[in-house]
C-alpha atoms as a PDB file:
ATOM      1  CA  MET A   1     160.079 118.454 158.910  1.00  0.00           C
ATOM      2  CA  ALA A   2     162.519 117.781 161.761  1.00  0.00           C
ATOM      3  CA  ARG A   3     163.849 114.241 161.740  1.00  0.00           C
ATOM      4  CA  LYS A   4     163.635 112.323 165.028  1.00  0.00           C
ATOM      5  CA  PHE A   5     166.268 109.803 166.042  1.00  0.00           C
ATOM      6  CA  GLN A   6     165.939 106.964 168.519  1.00  0.00           C
ATOM      7  CA  PHE A   7     169.123 105.896 170.310  1.00  0.00           C
ATOM      8  CA  VAL A   8     169.405 102.310 171.530  1.00  0.00           C
ATOM      9  CA  ALA A   9     171.547 101.924 174.639  1.00  0.00           C
ATOM     10  CA  VAL A  10     173.954  98.965 174.652  1.00  0.00           C
ATOM     11  CA  SER A  11     176.055  97.743 177.540  1.00  0.00           C
ATOM     12  CA  ASN A  12     179.178  97.062 175.456  1.00  0.00           C
ATOM     13  CA  PRO A  13     179.325  98.841 172.106  1.00  0.00           C
ATOM     14  CA  THR A  14     182.428  96.916 171.000  1.00  0.00           C
ATOM     15  CA  GLU A  15     180.534  93.623 170.991  1.00  0.00           C
ATOM     16  CA  ALA A  16     177.901  92.416 168.539  1.00  0.00           C
ATOM     17  CA  PRO A  17     174.481  93.899 169.345  1.00  0.00           C
ATOM     18  CA  SER A  18     172.191  91.787 171.497  1.00  0.00           C
ATOM     19  CA  SER A  19     168.934  90.332 170.235  1.00  0.00           C
ATOM     20  CA  GLU A  20     167.068  92.823 172.437  1.00  0.00           C
ATOM     21  CA  SER A  21     168.798  95.848 170.894  1.00  0.00           C
ATOM     22  CA  LYS A  22     168.233  94.408 167.406  1.00  0.00           C
ATOM     23  CA  LYS A  23     164.545  93.966 168.203  1.00  0.00           C
ATOM     24  CA  SER A  24     164.301  97.567 169.418  1.00  0.00           C
ATOM     25  CA  ALA A  25     166.014  98.868 166.278  1.00  0.00           C
ATOM     26  CA  TYR A  26     163.802  96.779 163.980  1.00  0.00           C
ATOM     27  CA  SER A  27     160.653  97.936 165.783  1.00  0.00           C
ATOM     28  CA  HIS A  28     161.665 101.562 165.395  1.00  0.00           C
ATOM     29  CA  ALA A  29     162.414 101.075 161.693  1.00  0.00           C
ATOM     30  CA  PHE A  30     159.036  99.386 161.170  1.00  0.00           C
ATOM     31  CA  ARG A  31     157.183 102.241 162.895  1.00  0.00           C
ATOM     32  CA  GLN A  32     159.008 104.802 160.770  1.00  0.00           C
ATOM     33  CA  ALA A  33     158.233 102.929 157.550  1.00  0.00           C
ATOM     34  CA  HIS A  34     154.565 102.583 158.515  1.00  0.00           C
ATOM     35  CA  ALA A  35     154.315 106.296 159.324  1.00  0.00           C
ATOM     36  CA  LYS A  36     155.920 107.162 155.981  1.00  0.00           C
ATOM     37  CA  ARG A  37     153.429 104.982 154.082  1.00  0.00           C
ATOM     38  CA  ARG A  38     150.566 106.637 155.975  1.00  0.00           C
ATOM     39  CA  ARG A  39     151.805 110.117 155.033  1.00  0.00           C
ATOM     40  CA  GLU A  40     152.171 109.097 151.382  1.00  0.00           C
ATOM     41  CA  GLN A  41     148.634 107.648 151.330  1.00  0.00           C
ATOM     42  CA  MET A  42     147.162 110.824 152.802  1.00  0.00           C
ATOM     43  CA  GLU A  43     149.053 112.943 150.266  1.00  0.00           C
ATOM     44  CA  ARG A  44     147.599 110.859 147.412  1.00  0.00           C
ATOM     45  CA  TYR A  45     144.088 111.269 148.853  1.00  0.00           C
ATOM     46  CA  ARG A  46     144.515 115.039 149.139  1.00  0.00           C
ATOM     47  CA  LYS A  47     145.656 115.339 145.525  1.00  0.00           C
ATOM     48  CA  GLU A  48     142.751 113.220 144.247  1.00  0.00           C
ATOM     49  CA  MET A  49     140.160 114.987 146.372  1.00  0.00           C
ATOM     50  CA  THR A  50     141.345 118.510 145.515  1.00  0.00           C
ATOM     51  CA  TYR A  51     141.936 117.944 141.788  1.00  0.00           C
ATOM     52  CA  SER A  52     140.171 120.612 139.749  1.00  0.00           C
ATOM     53  CA  PRO A  53     139.566 119.856 136.045  1.00  0.00           C
ATOM     54  CA  PRO A  54     139.932 122.660 133.465  1.00  0.00           C
ATOM     55  CA  GLU A  55     136.995 125.039 133.367  1.00  0.00           C
ATOM     56  CA  LYS A  56     134.452 124.420 130.631  1.00  0.00           C
ATOM     57  CA  THR A  57     130.786 124.878 129.871  1.00  0.00           C
ATOM     58  CA  LEU A  58     128.825 122.414 131.993  1.00  0.00           C
ATOM     59  CA  ASP A  59     125.723 120.510 130.968  1.00  0.00           C
ATOM     60  CA  ASN A  60     122.922 119.706 133.413  1.00  0.00           C
ATOM     61  CA  SER A  61     124.402 116.422 134.613  1.00  0.00           C
ATOM     62  CA  GLU A  62     127.795 118.021 135.261  1.00  0.00           C
ATOM     63  CA  ARG A  63     126.245 120.937 137.117  1.00  0.00           C
ATOM     64  CA  ALA A  64     124.685 118.393 139.437  1.00  0.00           C
ATOM     65  CA  ILE A  65     128.175 117.223 140.326  1.00  0.00           C
ATOM     66  CA  LEU A  66     128.936 120.643 141.820  1.00  0.00           C
ATOM     67  CA  SER A  67     126.709 119.950 144.804  1.00  0.00           C
ATOM     68  CA  PRO A  68     126.693 122.133 147.930  1.00  0.00           C
ATOM     69  CA  TRP A  69     128.910 119.828 149.981  1.00  0.00           C
ATOM     70  CA  SER A  70     131.349 119.411 147.059  1.00  0.00           C
ATOM     71  CA  GLN A  71     131.735 123.169 146.746  1.00  0.00           C
ATOM     72  CA  THR A  72     132.378 123.437 150.467  1.00  0.00           C
ATOM     73  CA  LEU A  73     135.087 120.778 150.433  1.00  0.00           C
ATOM     74  CA  ASN A  74     136.651 122.110 147.229  1.00  0.00           C
ATOM     75  CA  GLY A  75     137.639 125.214 149.169  1.00  0.00           C
ATOM     76  CA  ASN A  76     139.583 123.124 151.685  1.00  0.00           C
ATOM     77  CA  LYS A  77     143.124 122.318 150.572  1.00  0.00           C
ATOM     78  CA  ASP A  78     143.201 119.359 152.958  1.00  0.00           C
ATOM     79  CA  PRO A  79     139.755 117.661 152.825  1.00  0.00           C
ATOM     80  CA  PHE A  80     140.879 115.037 155.349  1.00  0.00           C
ATOM     81  CA  SER A  81     141.215 117.719 158.004  1.00  0.00           C
ATOM     82  CA  ALA A  82     137.398 117.622 157.983  1.00  0.00           C
ATOM     83  CA  LEU A  83     137.266 113.974 159.124  1.00  0.00           C
ATOM     84  CA  ALA A  84     134.622 113.553 161.796  1.00  0.00           C
ATOM     85  CA  ARG A  85     137.143 111.512 163.814  1.00  0.00           C
ATOM     86  CA  PRO A  86     140.647 110.094 163.306  1.00  0.00           C
ATOM     87  CA  LEU A  87     140.649 106.721 161.544  1.00  0.00           C
ATOM     88  CA  SER A  88     142.445 103.665 162.874  1.00  0.00           C
ATOM     89  CA  SER A  89     145.166 101.901 160.876  1.00  0.00           C
ATOM     90  CA  ALA A  90     142.648  99.267 159.754  1.00  0.00           C
ATOM     91  CA  GLU A  91     140.192 101.962 158.670  1.00  0.00           C
ATOM     92  CA  TYR A  92     142.876 103.777 156.693  1.00  0.00           C
ATOM     93  CA  PHE A  93     143.541 100.495 154.903  1.00  0.00           C
ATOM     94  CA  LEU A  94     139.834 100.167 154.061  1.00  0.00           C
ATOM     95  CA  LEU A  95     139.669 103.774 152.862  1.00  0.00           C
ATOM     96  CA  ASP A  96     142.754 103.264 150.694  1.00  0.00           C
ATOM     97  CA  HIS A  97     141.254 100.073 149.240  1.00  0.00           C
ATOM     98  CA  TYR A  98     138.000 101.871 148.560  1.00  0.00           C
ATOM     99  CA  VAL A  99     139.647 104.783 146.738  1.00  0.00           C
ATOM    100  CA  HIS A 100     142.079 102.753 144.634  1.00  0.00           C
ATOM    101  CA  VAL A 101     140.185  99.494 144.028  1.00  0.00           C
ATOM    102  CA  VAL A 102     136.458  99.852 144.661  1.00  0.00           C
ATOM    103  CA  VAL A 103     135.929 103.269 143.083  1.00  0.00           C
ATOM    104  CA  PRO A 104     137.522 102.349 139.710  1.00  0.00           C
ATOM    105  CA  LEU A 105     135.505  99.106 139.672  1.00  0.00           C
ATOM    106  CA  THR A 106     132.324 101.015 140.393  1.00  0.00           C
ATOM    107  CA  VAL A 107     132.935 103.581 137.687  1.00  0.00           C
ATOM    108  CA  GLY A 108     133.564 100.843 135.140  1.00  0.00           C
ATOM    109  CA  HIS A 109     130.558  98.648 135.887  1.00  0.00           C
ATOM    110  CA  CYS A 110     127.745 100.669 137.445  1.00  0.00           C
ATOM    111  CA  GLY A 111     124.732 101.779 135.417  1.00  0.00           C
ATOM    112  CA  LEU A 112     124.532 105.038 137.359  1.00  0.00           C
ATOM    113  CA  PHE A 113     127.353 106.361 135.220  1.00  0.00           C
ATOM    114  CA  ASP A 114     125.708 106.259 131.803  1.00  0.00           C
ATOM    115  CA  TYR A 115     126.644 109.820 130.849  1.00  0.00           C
ATOM    116  CA  PRO A 116     129.950 111.546 129.962  1.00  0.00           C
ATOM    117  CA  GLY A 117     132.119 112.917 132.736  1.00  0.00           C
ATOM    118  CA  ASP A 118     134.881 112.238 135.236  1.00  0.00           C
ATOM    119  CA  HIS A 119     132.972 109.687 137.285  1.00  0.00           C
ATOM    120  CA  LYS A 120     135.859 108.813 139.581  1.00  0.00           C
ATOM    121  CA  ALA A 121     136.160 112.465 140.559  1.00  0.00           C
ATOM    122  CA  GLN A 122     132.407 112.584 141.124  1.00  0.00           C
ATOM    123  CA  LEU A 123     132.488 109.611 143.474  1.00  0.00           C
ATOM    124  CA  LEU A 124     135.389 111.073 145.407  1.00  0.00           C
ATOM    125  CA  ARG A 125     133.980 114.591 145.554  1.00  0.00           C
ATOM    126  CA  GLU A 126     130.395 113.692 146.385  1.00  0.00           C
ATOM    127  CA  TRP A 127     130.127 110.278 148.011  1.00  0.00           C
ATOM    128  CA  VAL A 128     133.501 109.999 149.763  1.00  0.00           C
ATOM    129  CA  ALA A 129     133.675 113.707 150.565  1.00  0.00           C
ATOM    130  CA  LEU A 130     130.228 113.550 152.113  1.00  0.00           C
ATOM    131  CA  ALA A 131     131.292 110.541 154.185  1.00  0.00           C
ATOM    132  CA  ILE A 132     134.405 112.351 155.416  1.00  0.00           C
ATOM    133  CA  ILE A 133     132.355 114.866 157.375  1.00  0.00           C
ATOM    134  CA  ASP A 134     129.951 112.319 158.905  1.00  0.00           C
ATOM    135  CA  ASP A 135     131.324 109.357 160.840  1.00  0.00           C
ATOM    136  CA  ALA A 136     128.269 107.103 160.490  1.00  0.00           C
ATOM    137  CA  LEU A 137     128.151 107.686 156.737  1.00  0.00           C
ATOM    138  CA  MET A 138     131.879 106.949 156.466  1.00  0.00           C
ATOM    139  CA  VAL A 139     131.184 103.684 158.273  1.00  0.00           C
ATOM    140  CA  ALA A 140     128.268 102.652 156.031  1.00  0.00           C
ATOM    141  CA  ALA A 141     129.231 104.114 152.654  1.00  0.00           C
ATOM    142  CA  VAL A 142     132.973 103.409 152.666  1.00  0.00           C
ATOM    143  CA  LEU A 143     134.181 101.088 155.428  1.00  0.00           C
ATOM    144  CA  LEU A 144     131.246  98.657 155.426  1.00  0.00           C
ATOM    145  CA  SER A 145     131.040  98.465 151.635  1.00  0.00           C
ATOM    146  CA  THR A 146     134.802  97.866 151.371  1.00  0.00           C
ATOM    147  CA  CYS A 147     134.525  94.982 153.828  1.00  0.00           C
ATOM    148  CA  ARG A 148     131.736  93.509 151.686  1.00  0.00           C
ATOM    149  CA  TYR A 149     133.905  93.787 148.588  1.00  0.00           C
ATOM    150  CA  ILE A 150     136.839  92.069 150.313  1.00  0.00           C
ATOM    151  CA  LEU A 151     134.579  89.305 151.632  1.00  0.00           C
ATOM    152  CA  ARG A 152     133.321  88.610 148.111  1.00  0.00           C
ATOM    153  CA  SER A 153     136.812  88.553 146.626  1.00  0.00           C
ATOM    154  CA  ARG A 154     138.437  86.624 149.511  1.00  0.00           C
ATOM    155  CA  PRO A 155     135.764  84.330 150.957  1.00  0.00           C
ATOM    156  CA  ASP A 156     138.282  82.118 152.774  1.00  0.00           C
ATOM    157  CA  ASN A 157     139.739  84.967 154.816  1.00  0.00           C
ATOM    158  CA  ASN A 158     136.600  86.388 156.321  1.00  0.00           C
ATOM    159  CA  THR A 159     136.698  86.340 160.132  1.00  0.00           C
ATOM    160  CA  VAL A 160     138.045  89.836 160.738  1.00  0.00           C
ATOM    161  CA  PHE A 161     136.093  91.491 157.936  1.00  0.00           C
ATOM    162  CA  LEU A 162     132.896  89.681 158.884  1.00  0.00           C
ATOM    163  CA  GLN A 163     133.207  91.024 162.429  1.00  0.00           C
ATOM    164  CA  LEU A 164     133.820  94.506 161.066  1.00  0.00           C
ATOM    165  CA  THR A 165     130.703  94.363 158.873  1.00  0.00           C
ATOM    166  CA  LEU A 166     128.567  93.558 161.915  1.00  0.00           C
ATOM    167  CA  GLN A 167     130.199  96.330 163.917  1.00  0.00           C
ATOM    168  CA  TYR A 168     129.867  98.926 161.163  1.00  0.00           C
ATOM    169  CA  LYS A 169     126.266  98.069 160.356  1.00  0.00           C
ATOM    170  CA  GLN A 170     125.279  98.302 164.019  1.00  0.00           C
ATOM    171  CA  THR A 171     126.992 101.685 164.312  1.00  0.00           C
ATOM    172  CA  CYS A 172     125.121 103.137 161.351  1.00  0.00           C
ATOM    173  CA  LEU A 173     121.767 101.655 162.369  1.00  0.00           C
ATOM    174  CA  GLN A 174     122.081 103.080 165.875  1.00  0.00           C
ATOM    175  CA  THR A 175     123.004 106.503 164.531  1.00  0.00           C
ATOM    176  CA  LEU A 176     120.129 106.507 162.053  1.00  0.00           C
ATOM    177  CA  ARG A 177     117.625 105.456 164.725  1.00  0.00           C
ATOM    178  CA  HIS A 178     118.897 108.219 167.002  1.00  0.00           C
ATOM    179  CA  GLU A 179     118.565 110.837 164.268  1.00  0.00           C
ATOM    180  CA  MET A 180     115.047 109.722 163.365  1.00  0.00           C
ATOM    181  CA  SER A 181     113.964 109.730 167.019  1.00  0.00           C
ATOM    182  CA  ARG A 182     114.729 113.438 167.377  1.00  0.00           C
ATOM    183  CA  VAL A 183     111.372 114.867 166.373  1.00  0.00           C
ATOM    184  CA  SER A 184     112.591 118.463 166.451  1.00  0.00           C
ATOM    185  CA  ALA A 185     115.601 117.803 164.191  1.00  0.00           C
ATOM    186  CA  PRO A 186     114.948 118.387 160.471  1.00  0.00           C
ATOM    187  CA  ILE A 187     115.645 115.632 157.961  1.00  0.00           C
ATOM    188  CA  ASN A 188     118.762 116.375 155.917  1.00  0.00           C
ATOM    189  CA  ILE A 189     120.805 114.832 153.122  1.00  0.00           C
ATOM    190  CA  MET A 190     123.087 113.077 155.618  1.00  0.00           C
ATOM    191  CA  THR A 191     120.167 111.126 157.054  1.00  0.00           C
ATOM    192  CA  VAL A 192     118.945 110.170 153.581  1.00  0.00           C
ATOM    193  CA  ALA A 193     122.465 109.168 152.502  1.00  0.00           C
ATOM    194  CA  LYS A 194     122.865 106.841 155.503  1.00  0.00           C
ATOM    195  CA  ALA A 195     119.527 105.161 154.796  1.00  0.00           C
ATOM    196  CA  ILE A 196     120.472 104.684 151.133  1.00  0.00           C
ATOM    197  CA  ALA A 197     123.873 103.276 152.132  1.00  0.00           C
ATOM    198  CA  LEU A 198     122.178 100.747 154.420  1.00  0.00           C
ATOM    199  CA  ALA A 199     119.733  99.778 151.662  1.00  0.00           C
ATOM    200  CA  LEU A 200     122.623  99.267 149.256  1.00  0.00           C
ATOM    201  CA  ASP A 201     124.375  97.051 151.777  1.00  0.00           C
ATOM    202  CA  GLU A 202     121.279  94.869 152.166  1.00  0.00           C
ATOM    203  CA  VAL A 203     121.052  94.474 148.384  1.00  0.00           C
ATOM    204  CA  THR A 204     124.677  93.361 148.338  1.00  0.00           C
ATOM    205  CA  VAL A 205     123.957  90.473 150.715  1.00  0.00           C
ATOM    206  CA  GLY A 206     120.678  89.560 148.989  1.00  0.00           C
ATOM    207  CA  GLU A 207     118.335  90.936 151.669  1.00  0.00           C
ATOM    208  CA  HIS A 208     116.028  92.714 149.233  1.00  0.00           C
ATOM    209  CA  ASN A 209     113.056  92.853 151.605  1.00  0.00           C
ATOM    210  CA  ILE A 210     115.103  94.675 154.234  1.00  0.00           C
ATOM    211  CA  ALA A 211     116.521  96.940 151.528  1.00  0.00           C
ATOM    212  CA  ARG A 212     112.988  97.835 150.462  1.00  0.00           C
ATOM    213  CA  LYS A 213     112.129  98.813 154.038  1.00  0.00           C
ATOM    214  CA  HIS A 214     115.071 101.200 154.090  1.00  0.00           C
ATOM    215  CA  LEU A 215     113.989 102.607 150.728  1.00  0.00           C
ATOM    216  CA  LYS A 216     110.427 103.120 151.956  1.00  0.00           C
ATOM    217  CA  GLY A 217     111.939 105.124 154.780  1.00  0.00           C
ATOM    218  CA  VAL A 218     113.965 107.155 152.299  1.00  0.00           C
ATOM    219  CA  LEU A 219     110.853 107.848 150.217  1.00  0.00           C
ATOM    220  CA  ALA A 220     108.978 108.944 153.351  1.00  0.00           C
ATOM    221  CA  MET A 221     111.816 111.292 154.348  1.00  0.00           C
ATOM    222  CA  VAL A 222     111.978 112.899 150.911  1.00  0.00           C
ATOM    223  CA  THR A 223     108.191 113.253 150.698  1.00  0.00           C
ATOM    224  CA  PHE A 224     107.974 114.710 154.208  1.00  0.00           C
ATOM    225  CA  SER A 225     110.694 117.232 153.338  1.00  0.00           C
ATOM    226  CA  GLY A 226     108.826 118.490 150.291  1.00  0.00           C
ATOM    227  CA  GLY A 227     110.635 116.623 147.539  1.00  0.00           C
ATOM    228  CA  VAL A 228     114.098 116.094 146.130  1.00  0.00           C
ATOM    229  CA  GLU A 229     114.862 119.727 145.284  1.00  0.00           C
ATOM    230  CA  LYS A 230     113.656 121.161 148.564  1.00  0.00           C
ATOM    231  CA  LEU A 231     115.641 118.577 150.530  1.00  0.00           C
ATOM    232  CA  GLY A 232     118.733 119.361 148.473  1.00  0.00           C
ATOM    233  CA  LEU A 233     119.469 115.992 146.888  1.00  0.00           C
ATOM    234  CA  THR A 234     121.773 116.530 143.907  1.00  0.00           C
ATOM    235  CA  GLY A 235     124.397 114.704 141.895  1.00  0.00           C
ATOM    236  CA  ILE A 236     125.141 111.077 142.619  1.00  0.00           C
ATOM    237  CA  LEU A 237     122.932 110.956 145.714  1.00  0.00           C
ATOM    238  CA  GLU A 238     119.937 112.071 143.674  1.00  0.00           C
ATOM    239  CA  ARG A 239     120.757 109.509 140.973  1.00  0.00           C
ATOM    240  CA  MET A 240     120.934 106.731 143.581  1.00  0.00           C
ATOM    241  CA  TYR A 241     117.603 107.837 145.000  1.00  0.00           C
ATOM    242  CA  ARG A 242     115.850 108.007 141.622  1.00  0.00           C
ATOM    243  CA  LYS A 243     117.337 104.679 140.499  1.00  0.00           C
ATOM    244  CA  PHE A 244     115.996 102.886 143.531  1.00  0.00           C
ATOM    245  CA  MET A 245     112.654 104.658 143.471  1.00  0.00           C
ATOM    246  CA  GLU A 246     112.267 103.484 139.873  1.00  0.00           C
ATOM    247  CA  ILE A 247     112.980  99.895 140.918  1.00  0.00           C
ATOM    248  CA  PHE A 248     110.768 100.219 143.978  1.00  0.00           C
ATOM    249  CA  GLU A 249     107.847 101.624 141.996  1.00  0.00           C
ATOM    250  CA  PHE A 250     107.830  99.381 138.934  1.00  0.00           C
ATOM    251  CA  ASN A 251     109.532  96.114 139.804  1.00  0.00           C
ATOM    252  CA  ASP A 252     109.219  94.576 143.256  1.00  0.00           C
ATOM    253  CA  SER A 253     111.515  91.592 142.797  1.00  0.00           C
ATOM    254  CA  GLY A 254     113.527  92.475 139.718  1.00  0.00           C
ATOM    255  CA  MET A 255     116.418  94.331 141.310  1.00  0.00           C
ATOM    256  CA  ASP A 256     119.500  94.410 139.121  1.00  0.00           C
ATOM    257  CA  VAL A 257     121.729  92.790 141.723  1.00  0.00           C
ATOM    258  CA  SER A 258     124.898  92.941 139.633  1.00  0.00           C
ATOM    259  CA  CYS A 259     124.499  96.679 139.202  1.00  0.00           C
ATOM    260  CA  ASN A 260     123.392  97.431 142.740  1.00  0.00           C
ATOM    261  CA  GLU A 261     126.175  95.380 144.285  1.00  0.00           C
ATOM    262  CA  THR A 262     128.490  97.761 142.504  1.00  0.00           C
ATOM    263  CA  ILE A 263     126.414 100.789 143.463  1.00  0.00           C
ATOM    264  CA  THR A 264     126.909  99.701 147.054  1.00  0.00           C
ATOM    265  CA  GLN A 265     130.561 100.554 146.657  1.00  0.00           C
ATOM    266  CA  CYS A 266     129.780 104.162 145.767  1.00  0.00           C
END
């Protein structure tokens, strides 16, 4: 990669540099360092997203991991080239925090992962990879849930992240309403995933009644589409759906909040 240099003009090079020229040089150095960190972050994401474990005989649960969208993204050496839109610096920070902090926490504490396997890879390949190709799902499944996690861990520093949660939730709600209003458009896994992500967010903040409304909508979508298999729900998305349908069917008020708060980070 060609290296770019920035030259700072000075009126008298024999004298000590002025505060203005120092400021210009420092600003340039800061921009270069920030760009380098961004490139390193993206390289780490690419390696994690494209990691392929050694081939072996798969059981039923592991076959579910190889979902249609995972197989599609596995063929792309740079999964982040499939981003629905470029992310801002703040959003890259949230994505980085999600991948390196929230995902390991989720894998270690969530009841969804009660079977053998590389659960971190599953979250990255199925949940995050699915969000990469749909902006509204990225907002709800990754950015919004990361803000919630930060708000819980840093309650005293909440103004910016609280504003972002409102913004992200509104974005996803508007997108979901628009998709559902298009009568001619078929229901797909993206629509179901967004509704589940919104339900998970409501559980995180204790709004179980609103969460149940989202889940009723999810159940209606799956039923209307002819069931889980016909709709194409597999892997972690299917497990989320079945987990919540079990809670919805047999226990109105007994949601396992500690588990589902963690599921929200998936």
